[in-house]
Amino acid sequence: MNGPHDMGGFQGFGPVMPEADEPVWHHDWEPRAFALVLAMGMTGSWNIDQARHARERLAPVSYWSSSYYEMRHYALVLQLIELGLITAMEEETGRQAVLPKPVKRVATAEMIPAILSSGSPYGRPSNTAAAFGVGEKVRTLNINPAGHTRLPRYARGHVGEIVTIHGCHAFPDSNAKGEGEDPQWLYTVRFTAKELWGKDAPDSVCLDLWEPYLEVFT
């Protein structure tokens, strides 16, 4: 979707100001908020693409004015309410008002190191051949989907070159809708700065893009 998260190429937000020697946490509440996000993600109530789409669906003013951990917290609350795991009144008061719903699994403290170190690989087997090869020129589709997509606006309708084939991976666009993983071939595509931004510069941008985003360039 064309949400507040898709800021590549946007102007008017000012320069990025890196923080020297930035600490892991700026406030005491941040590790607790992040732990809640991880703990609820481990219940299996949603997949990673649904979690990303929740963050994208935050109101632009809320998204742009929130810190990293605030944004993730607000998206978590949105998902919990949508799935009926909490009510809006419970979120507002901080007190339980209805009986809790069961979840698929609960991660204990002892399980966390192994879970975080192994991650959740989304590579999947395929019985189809890749449509494109390394070195091939492709054009991205010019789409404006209502749901989740990993094809950023600034790269739509542009020509790039396949530089890596990563195999098949869960397709975010369908996975975020709860319509299944629908594994698709995943490629790294390199775009020149001139192609994307109209600038005569030696720079390039590489994006990992799924096969349904691409078409043959002739």
Foldseek 3Di string as FASTA:
>chain_A
DPFLVLCVPPDDPDDDDDDPPDDPDPDPCQVVLVVVLVQVQVLVPADPLLLVQLLRPPHNVQNVVDDPSSSSSVSVVVVCCVVVQAHPVCVVVVDGDDDGDDTNDGDDPVCVVVPVVVDDFFADADPDDAPDDFFFKKAFAQDDDPGDAQQRNLRHGFIWGFHDKDHWGFHSRCRSVVNDRPIFTKTWTKAACCRRPVDPDRDIDIDIHTPVRIDHDD
